[in-house]
């Protein structure tokens, strides 16, 4: 595997992880909070979804470090 190919795969995986993690956290938090509280106004939904994205971005470095550690273990010595 060439270095260029590895870098391209790393960038794609990073972008895909960022998008999916933020989306799932935001949607999951919004659905859970709205189901629990029964609130339906627009500002509540907005605040909960934005909070979910912020939480996902805070958790992203941890997820990325695990991904890079696993990638590092796969590389030949």
Protein backbone atom coordinates (compact mmCIF):
# COMPACT_ATOMS: atom_id res chain seq x y z
CA UNK A 1 0.00 0.00 0.00
CA UNK A 2 1.48 3.32 -1.01
CA UNK A 3 1.75 6.24 1.38
CA UNK A 4 -0.53 8.34 -0.84
CA UNK A 5 -3.22 5.64 -0.79
CA UNK A 6 -2.95 5.40 2.99
CA UNK A 7 -3.28 9.18 3.42
CA UNK A 8 -6.34 9.33 1.18
CA UNK A 9 -8.00 6.54 3.15
CA UNK A 10 -7.13 8.28 6.42
CA UNK A 11 -8.70 11.58 5.28
CA UNK A 12 -11.84 9.83 4.04
CA UNK A 13 -12.19 7.88 7.29
CA UNK A 14 -11.66 11.03 9.36
CA UNK A 15 -14.29 13.04 7.46
CA UNK A 16 -16.78 10.17 7.46
CA UNK A 17 -16.27 9.62 11.19
CA UNK A 18 -16.73 13.31 11.92
CA UNK A 19 -19.98 13.50 9.99
CA UNK A 20 -21.53 10.28 11.22
CA UNK A 21 -20.52 10.71 14.86
CA UNK A 22 -21.84 14.25 15.05
CA UNK A 23 -25.05 13.35 13.23
CA UNK A 24 -25.83 10.29 15.35
CA UNK A 25 -25.04 12.06 18.62
CA UNK A 26 -27.13 15.07 17.67
CA UNK A 27 -30.09 13.04 16.46
CA UNK A 28 -29.90 10.62 19.40
CA UNK A 29 -29.75 13.38 21.99
CA UNK A 30 -32.60 15.28 20.34
CA UNK A 31 -34.82 12.22 20.10
CA UNK A 32 -34.10 11.15 23.67
CA UNK A 33 -34.63 14.59 25.16
CA UNK A 34 -37.81 15.25 23.20
CA UNK A 35 -39.23 11.84 24.08
CA UNK A 36 -38.45 12.36 27.75
CA UNK A 37 -39.63 15.96 28.12
CA UNK A 38 -42.34 16.07 25.48
CA UNK A 39 -41.13 19.51 24.37
CA UNK A 40 -41.67 20.31 20.71
CA UNK A 41 -40.83 23.98 20.21
CA UNK A 42 -38.17 24.91 17.68
CA UNK A 43 -35.61 26.44 20.04
CA UNK A 44 -35.57 23.37 22.26
CA UNK A 45 -34.89 21.11 19.29
CA UNK A 46 -32.20 23.47 18.01
CA UNK A 47 -30.40 23.67 21.37
CA UNK A 48 -30.50 19.91 21.88
CA UNK A 49 -29.21 19.10 18.39
CA UNK A 50 -26.43 21.71 18.61
CA UNK A 51 -25.49 20.32 22.03
CA UNK A 52 -25.29 16.89 20.45
CA UNK A 53 -22.92 18.14 17.76
CA UNK A 54 -20.74 19.86 20.36
CA UNK A 55 -20.61 16.67 22.44
CA UNK A 56 -19.67 14.67 19.35
CA UNK A 57 -16.87 17.09 18.45
CA UNK A 58 -15.52 16.89 22.00
CA UNK A 59 -15.53 13.08 21.78
CA UNK A 60 -13.98 13.06 18.31
CA UNK A 61 -10.30 13.28 19.41
CA UNK A 62 -10.79 10.19 21.57
CA UNK A 63 -12.36 8.28 18.68
CA UNK A 64 -9.66 9.48 16.31
CA UNK A 65 -6.89 8.42 18.69
CA UNK A 66 -8.34 4.88 18.85
CA UNK A 67 -8.61 4.81 15.05
CA UNK A 68 -4.99 5.96 14.61
CA UNK A 69 -3.75 3.47 17.20
CA UNK A 70 -5.47 0.63 15.34
CA UNK A 71 -4.12 1.90 12.03
CA UNK A 72 -0.61 2.09 13.48
CA UNK A 73 -0.85 -1.54 14.62
CA UNK A 74 -1.80 -2.62 11.09
CA UNK A 75 1.29 -1.06 9.49
CA UNK A 76 4.23 -3.38 8.78
CA UNK A 77 7.29 -3.11 11.04
